[in-house]
Amino acid sequence: MSALHASYAGEGKYQVNHLHGGMYAVDLEGHTCSCRKWDLCGIPCPHAITAIGKKEHNPLVYVHSCYKRPSYGL
């Protein structure tokens, strides 16, 4: 059982609750989370990954392009 649970909040946004308290707002369209980790590094945080999983999408699609192979000319 996961410690995180995502609920759809409308307009591409999710509310992610932690089993031991804590609530996070994830915006999949804007690539942001209220914990700010995704905003700062461009890699989805655990809250975002939970929301992405709820939507049944591939988390790699949400990683910033600077971390993808074409950015390195490969």
C-alpha atoms as a PDB file:
ATOM      1  CA  MET A   1       0.000   0.000   0.000  1.00  0.00           C
ATOM      2  CA  SER A   2       1.327   3.412  -0.946  1.00  0.00           C
ATOM      3  CA  ALA A   3       1.767   6.201   1.589  1.00  0.00           C
ATOM      4  CA  LEU A   4       0.431   8.677  -1.013  1.00  0.00           C
ATOM      5  CA  HIS A   5      -3.072   8.929  -2.463  1.00  0.00           C
ATOM      6  CA  ALA A   6      -4.045  11.184  -5.388  1.00  0.00           C
ATOM      7  CA  SER A   7      -7.498  12.629  -6.016  1.00  0.00           C
ATOM      8  CA  TYR A   8      -8.466  14.491  -9.178  1.00  0.00           C
ATOM      9  CA  ALA A   9      -9.309  18.132  -8.406  1.00  0.00           C
ATOM     10  CA  GLY A  10     -10.221  19.250 -11.957  1.00  0.00           C
ATOM     11  CA  GLU A  11      -8.446  21.091 -14.760  1.00  0.00           C
ATOM     12  CA  GLY A  12      -5.354  18.861 -14.727  1.00  0.00           C
ATOM     13  CA  LYS A  13      -4.807  19.315 -10.988  1.00  0.00           C
ATOM     14  CA  TYR A  14      -4.590  16.671  -8.278  1.00  0.00           C
ATOM     15  CA  GLN A  15      -4.625  16.713  -4.502  1.00  0.00           C
ATOM     16  CA  VAL A  16      -2.115  14.249  -3.099  1.00  0.00           C
ATOM     17  CA  ASN A  17      -2.454  13.238   0.544  1.00  0.00           C
ATOM     18  CA  HIS A  18       0.246  11.532   2.582  1.00  0.00           C
ATOM     19  CA  LEU A  19      -0.818   8.684   4.872  1.00  0.00           C
ATOM     20  CA  HIS A  20       0.878  10.343   7.876  1.00  0.00           C
ATOM     21  CA  GLY A  21      -0.420  13.848   7.160  1.00  0.00           C
ATOM     22  CA  GLY A  22       0.504  16.416   4.583  1.00  0.00           C
ATOM     23  CA  MET A  23      -1.357  17.529   1.507  1.00  0.00           C
ATOM     24  CA  TYR A  24       0.155  18.588  -1.806  1.00  0.00           C
ATOM     25  CA  ALA A  25      -1.313  20.300  -4.858  1.00  0.00           C
ATOM     26  CA  VAL A  26      -0.012  18.888  -8.142  1.00  0.00           C
ATOM     27  CA  ASP A  27      -0.625  20.568 -11.491  1.00  0.00           C
ATOM     28  CA  LEU A  28       0.248  18.120 -14.251  1.00  0.00           C
ATOM     29  CA  GLU A  29      -0.352  20.639 -17.032  1.00  0.00           C
ATOM     30  CA  GLY A  30       1.888  23.258 -15.402  1.00  0.00           C
ATOM     31  CA  HIS A  31       4.453  20.687 -14.197  1.00  0.00           C
ATOM     32  CA  THR A  32       4.334  22.013 -10.625  1.00  0.00           C
ATOM     33  CA  CYS A  33       3.866  20.663  -7.099  1.00  0.00           C
ATOM     34  CA  SER A  34       3.345  22.587  -3.885  1.00  0.00           C
ATOM     35  CA  CYS A  35       6.424  20.852  -2.380  1.00  0.00           C
ATOM     36  CA  ARG A  36       8.417  22.768  -5.076  1.00  0.00           C
ATOM     37  CA  LYS A  37      10.854  19.892  -5.826  1.00  0.00           C
ATOM     38  CA  TRP A  38       9.439  19.330  -9.326  1.00  0.00           C
ATOM     39  CA  ASP A  39       9.487  23.083  -9.972  1.00  0.00           C
ATOM     40  CA  LEU A  40      13.148  23.377  -8.964  1.00  0.00           C
ATOM     41  CA  CYS A  41      14.725  20.373 -10.664  1.00  0.00           C
ATOM     42  CA  GLY A  42      12.418  19.464 -13.568  1.00  0.00           C
ATOM     43  CA  ILE A  43      12.053  15.845 -12.432  1.00  0.00           C
ATOM     44  CA  PRO A  44       8.635  14.819 -11.038  1.00  0.00           C
ATOM     45  CA  CYS A  45       8.588  14.480  -7.250  1.00  0.00           C
ATOM     46  CA  PRO A  46       6.869  11.505  -5.534  1.00  0.00           C
ATOM     47  CA  HIS A  47       3.638  13.523  -5.262  1.00  0.00           C
ATOM     48  CA  ALA A  48       3.646  14.229  -8.989  1.00  0.00           C
ATOM     49  CA  ILE A  49       4.475  10.610  -9.798  1.00  0.00           C
ATOM     50  CA  THR A  50       1.493   9.523  -7.698  1.00  0.00           C
ATOM     51  CA  ALA A  51      -0.786  11.884  -9.650  1.00  0.00           C
ATOM     52  CA  ILE A  52       0.745  10.755 -12.967  1.00  0.00           C
ATOM     53  CA  GLY A  53       0.116   7.143 -11.957  1.00  0.00           C
ATOM     54  CA  LYS A  54      -3.493   7.947 -11.113  1.00  0.00           C
ATOM     55  CA  LYS A  55      -3.847   9.323 -14.648  1.00  0.00           C
ATOM     56  CA  GLU A  56      -2.080   6.180 -15.968  1.00  0.00           C
ATOM     57  CA  HIS A  57       0.536   8.163 -17.894  1.00  0.00           C
ATOM     58  CA  ASN A  58       4.254   7.534 -18.256  1.00  0.00           C
ATOM     59  CA  PRO A  59       6.247   9.663 -15.740  1.00  0.00           C
ATOM     60  CA  LEU A  60       9.090  10.084 -18.272  1.00  0.00           C
ATOM     61  CA  VAL A  61       6.815  12.301 -20.382  1.00  0.00           C
ATOM     62  CA  TYR A  62       6.773  14.822 -17.505  1.00  0.00           C
ATOM     63  CA  VAL A  63      10.573  15.071 -17.097  1.00  0.00           C
ATOM     64  CA  HIS A  64      12.065  18.364 -18.341  1.00  0.00           C
ATOM     65  CA  SER A  65      13.525  18.126 -21.840  1.00  0.00           C
ATOM     66  CA  CYS A  66      17.018  19.082 -20.627  1.00  0.00           C
ATOM     67  CA  TYR A  67      17.298  15.588 -19.096  1.00  0.00           C
ATOM     68  CA  LYS A  68      16.322  13.743 -22.269  1.00  0.00           C
ATOM     69  CA  ARG A  69      18.686  12.205 -24.809  1.00  0.00           C
ATOM     70  CA  PRO A  70      18.003  14.710 -27.680  1.00  0.00           C
ATOM     71  CA  SER A  71      19.295  17.538 -25.464  1.00  0.00           C
ATOM     72  CA  TYR A  72      22.705  15.889 -25.469  1.00  0.00           C
ATOM     73  CA  GLY A  73      22.834  15.475 -29.247  1.00  0.00           C
ATOM     74  CA  LEU A  74      22.784  11.690 -29.010  1.00  0.00           C
END
